[in-house]
Protein backbone atom coordinates (compact mmCIF):
# COMPACT_ATOMS: atom_id res chain seq x y z
CA MET A 1 -19.01 36.93 -2.91
CA ASN A 2 -19.68 40.32 -1.60
CA LYS A 3 -17.92 43.06 -1.53
CA ALA A 4 -16.91 43.10 2.10
CA ALA A 5 -15.34 39.41 1.40
CA TYR A 6 -13.78 40.48 -1.20
CA HIS A 7 -11.65 43.16 0.26
CA HIS A 8 -11.23 40.49 3.55
CA GLY A 9 -8.71 38.48 1.11
CA ASP A 10 -11.17 35.74 0.94
CA LEU A 11 -11.17 35.55 -2.61
CA ARG A 12 -9.10 32.81 -3.65
CA THR A 13 -10.72 31.22 -1.15
CA ALA A 14 -13.95 31.57 -2.72
CA LEU A 15 -12.73 30.70 -6.31
CA LEU A 16 -11.30 27.60 -5.22
CA GLU A 17 -14.08 26.62 -3.44
CA ALA A 18 -15.88 27.72 -6.95
CA ALA A 19 -13.57 26.09 -9.00
CA ASP A 20 -13.92 22.31 -6.71
CA THR A 21 -18.21 22.28 -7.29
CA LEU A 22 -17.28 22.96 -10.75
CA LEU A 23 -14.47 20.27 -10.66
CA ALA A 24 -16.76 17.75 -8.74
CA GLU A 25 -19.91 18.75 -11.12
CA GLN A 26 -18.13 18.96 -14.28
CA GLY A 27 -14.70 17.59 -13.82
CA ALA A 28 -11.38 19.55 -15.25
CA ALA A 29 -12.59 19.59 -18.84
CA GLY A 30 -15.68 21.87 -17.74
CA LEU A 31 -13.75 24.40 -15.87
CA SER A 32 -12.43 27.60 -16.79
CA LEU A 33 -11.33 30.68 -15.13
CA ARG A 34 -14.30 32.93 -16.52
CA ALA A 35 -16.63 29.43 -14.92
CA VAL A 36 -15.68 29.73 -11.74
CA ALA A 37 -15.64 33.40 -11.24
CA LYS A 38 -19.42 33.14 -12.37
CA ARG A 39 -20.16 30.75 -9.69
CA ALA A 40 -17.90 32.42 -7.02
CA GLY A 41 -20.09 35.91 -8.40
CA VAL A 42 -17.25 37.89 -8.96
CA SER A 43 -16.12 39.61 -12.17
CA HIS A 44 -14.55 37.69 -14.95
CA THR A 45 -11.04 39.22 -14.43
CA ALA A 46 -11.12 38.56 -10.43
CA PRO A 47 -9.55 34.75 -10.83
CA TYR A 48 -6.68 36.64 -12.58
CA ARG A 49 -5.64 38.12 -9.14
CA HIS A 50 -4.50 34.74 -8.49
CA PHE A 51 -4.05 32.17 -11.15
CA ARG A 52 -2.54 33.76 -14.08
CA ASP A 53 -4.32 30.79 -16.49
CA LYS A 54 -6.25 27.61 -15.75
CA ALA A 55 -3.43 25.31 -15.52
CA ALA A 56 -2.40 27.46 -12.02
CA LEU A 57 -6.46 27.00 -11.09
CA LEU A 58 -5.77 23.30 -11.63
CA SER A 59 -2.95 23.27 -9.92
CA ALA A 60 -3.99 24.84 -6.91
CA LEU A 61 -7.03 22.67 -6.68
CA ALA A 62 -4.33 19.52 -7.05
CA ALA A 63 -2.30 20.97 -4.16
CA GLU A 64 -5.39 21.40 -1.79
CA GLY A 65 -6.71 17.73 -2.55
CA PHE A 66 -2.97 16.69 -1.82
CA ARG A 67 -3.31 19.03 1.81
CA LEU A 68 -6.06 17.68 2.61
CA LEU A 69 -4.85 13.71 1.64
CA ALA A 70 -1.99 14.82 4.47
CA GLU A 71 -3.91 15.90 7.22
CA GLY A 72 -5.96 12.65 7.20
CA LEU A 73 -2.65 10.18 6.45
CA GLU A 74 -1.63 12.67 9.77
CA ALA A 75 -4.71 12.13 11.80
CA ALA A 76 -4.47 8.48 10.67
CA ALA A 77 -0.69 8.06 12.04
CA ALA A 78 -2.30 9.78 15.54
CA ARG A 79 -4.88 7.75 16.26
CA HIS A 80 -2.77 5.12 16.66
CA VAL A 81 0.88 6.27 18.13
CA ASP A 82 1.82 3.10 19.41
CA ASP A 83 0.99 0.46 16.75
CA PRO A 84 2.27 1.06 13.45
CA ALA A 85 0.94 -1.33 11.74
CA ARG A 86 -2.09 -0.35 12.26
CA GLN A 87 -1.07 3.39 10.75
CA LEU A 88 -0.33 2.28 7.35
CA LYS A 89 -3.24 0.56 7.58
CA GLU A 90 -5.42 3.44 8.09
CA ALA A 91 -3.68 5.25 5.97
CA GLY A 92 -4.38 3.01 3.25
CA ARG A 93 -8.21 3.02 4.25
CA VAL A 94 -7.53 7.17 4.40
CA TYR A 95 -6.59 7.48 0.79
CA VAL A 96 -8.92 5.29 -0.34
CA THR A 97 -12.04 6.50 1.04
CA THR A 98 -10.54 10.40 0.05
CA ALA A 99 -10.11 9.61 -3.65
CA LEU A 100 -13.52 7.64 -3.31
CA ALA A 101 -15.51 10.67 -2.00
CA HIS A 102 -13.91 13.25 -4.36
CA PRO A 103 -13.18 11.42 -7.84
CA GLN A 104 -12.91 14.45 -9.78
CA ARG A 105 -10.22 15.65 -7.04
CA ALA A 106 -8.98 12.45 -7.07
CA ARG A 107 -8.42 11.92 -11.18
CA LEU A 108 -6.60 15.53 -10.86
CA MET A 109 -4.36 15.00 -8.74
CA PHE A 110 -3.58 11.96 -9.95
CA GLY A 111 -4.67 11.70 -13.80
CA GLY A 112 -1.89 12.96 -15.45
CA ASN A 113 -4.33 13.90 -18.18
CA VAL A 114 -4.44 17.59 -17.69
CA ALA A 115 -2.02 20.21 -17.57
CA LEU A 116 -1.38 21.44 -14.44
CA SER A 117 0.93 24.42 -13.72
CA ASP A 118 5.01 23.58 -14.28
CA HIS A 119 7.38 23.74 -11.34
CA ASP A 120 4.34 24.76 -8.75
CA PRO A 121 5.96 25.08 -5.59
CA VAL A 122 2.64 25.00 -3.20
CA TYR A 123 1.52 22.18 -5.52
CA GLN A 124 4.93 20.58 -5.00
CA ALA A 125 4.85 20.97 -1.60
CA ALA A 126 1.04 19.60 -1.07
CA GLY A 127 2.39 16.19 -2.48
CA GLU A 128 5.46 15.86 -0.98
CA ARG A 129 4.07 16.59 2.51
CA ALA A 130 1.47 13.59 1.73
CA PHE A 131 4.28 11.12 0.97
CA ASN A 132 6.22 12.13 3.51
CA GLY A 133 3.68 11.30 6.11
CA LEU A 134 3.79 7.51 4.95
CA GLN A 135 7.55 7.64 4.81
CA GLN A 136 6.94 9.24 8.52
CA ILE A 137 4.99 5.73 9.31
CA ILE A 138 7.22 3.53 8.00
CA HIS A 139 10.33 4.94 9.67
CA ALA A 140 8.66 4.73 12.91
CA GLY A 141 7.58 1.16 12.06
CA GLN A 142 11.42 0.10 11.81
CA ALA A 143 12.34 1.66 14.67
CA ALA A 144 10.01 0.12 16.52
CA GLY A 145 11.67 -3.05 14.82
CA VAL A 146 7.85 -3.68 13.97
CA PHE A 147 8.88 -2.59 9.49
CA ARG A 148 11.93 -4.76 7.60
CA ASP A 149 14.80 -2.44 7.16
CA ASP A 150 14.94 -1.66 3.63
CA PRO A 151 15.22 1.71 2.08
CA VAL A 152 11.83 3.93 3.24
CA ARG A 153 11.16 5.15 -0.34
CA PRO A 154 11.24 1.63 -2.15
CA LEU A 155 8.63 0.33 0.52
CA ALA A 156 6.62 3.23 0.43
CA LEU A 157 6.21 3.78 -3.46
CA SER A 158 5.16 0.29 -3.19
CA LEU A 159 2.55 1.11 -0.59
CA TRP A 160 1.39 3.53 -2.04
CA SER A 161 1.31 1.81 -5.67
CA ALA A 162 -1.05 -0.84 -4.47
CA VAL A 163 -3.81 1.45 -2.23
CA HIS A 164 -3.36 3.97 -5.69
CA GLY A 165 -4.29 1.28 -7.79
CA LEU A 166 -7.19 0.09 -6.36
CA VAL A 167 -8.60 3.82 -6.33
CA MET A 168 -7.37 3.88 -9.92
CA LEU A 169 -9.34 0.40 -10.42
CA LEU A 170 -12.41 1.38 -8.12
CA LEU A 171 -12.39 5.16 -10.31
CA ALA A 172 -13.11 3.31 -13.41
CA GLU A 173 -15.36 0.40 -12.36
CA GLN A 174 -13.10 -2.31 -13.78
CA ILE A 175 -13.84 -3.96 -10.02
CA GLY A 176 -17.13 -6.34 -11.09
CA ASP A 177 -17.92 -7.34 -8.21
CA VAL A 178 -17.14 -4.43 -5.88
CA PRO A 179 -18.82 -1.26 -7.19
CA ALA A 180 -17.30 2.28 -5.48
CA GLY A 181 -20.69 3.18 -4.35
CA ASP A 182 -21.04 -0.01 -1.82
CA PRO A 183 -18.88 1.09 1.48
CA ALA A 184 -19.10 -2.04 2.69
CA ARG A 185 -18.22 -3.75 0.02
CA VAL A 186 -15.22 -1.03 -0.54
CA ALA A 187 -14.26 -1.42 2.75
CA THR A 188 -13.23 -5.32 3.03
CA MET A 189 -11.64 -4.44 -0.28
CA ILE A 190 -9.27 -2.05 1.56
CA SER A 191 -8.51 -4.00 4.01
CA TRP A 192 -7.46 -7.41 1.92
CA VAL A 193 -5.35 -5.00 -0.32
CA THR A 194 -4.03 -2.96 2.73
CA GLU A 195 -3.64 -6.08 4.70
CA VAL A 196 -1.55 -7.81 1.48
CA THR A 197 0.39 -5.27 1.30
CA LEU A 198 1.47 -4.13 4.90
CA SER A 199 2.81 -8.28 4.62
CA GLY A 200 5.64 -7.21 2.56
CA VAL A 201 7.04 -4.46 4.86
CA LEU A 202 6.56 -6.22 8.41
CA HIS A 203 9.72 -7.39 9.49
CA ARG A 204 10.62 -11.04 9.21
CA ASP A 205 10.70 -11.44 12.75
CA SER A 206 7.57 -9.51 13.61
CA PRO A 207 4.78 -11.20 15.38
CA GLY A 208 2.15 -10.45 12.63
CA ASN A 209 4.47 -11.95 9.54
CA SER A 210 4.56 -14.90 11.29
């Protein structure tokens, strides 16, 4: 990173980009502030301007992952504003494909096997934004009479859990006939999981649940 960028306030962005690259290459265990500084081309003390320790850096990476996921879910909803059922299917597809495109980031966000900064407001807000995007789709679907009139949060958790379970199984290569690297088979499996899960939230009188 050159000095001009350094003085224009791009240091944090450069550090996160370097950290994300290292995360993809080596996983969270191989990440360190010194390694990130070296990859970003700055002094080994520079990361401490923005991250007090490795946990803070990992929290920032996880927050960025949730931000990108939230944007993907929001875009999926925007593409099908008059079709809540399609919105949910698209949200499920986005969730799975985003995780498979960045497996180490997904493990960091959801694995629970590395220390993240406790009570990091940015990390918490990013996670809540992603989950709220799903809740908003359900709420809109209820208002349209498409989804069942149960509490939104349990419905959202049920949907999230089903799709997340598929992600974890694929990342762990536990579905032998559906390799994570086979886009066509993954797409078919996503379709099956979202369709079956969706049937559980459709209103009993909805045309899609007849």
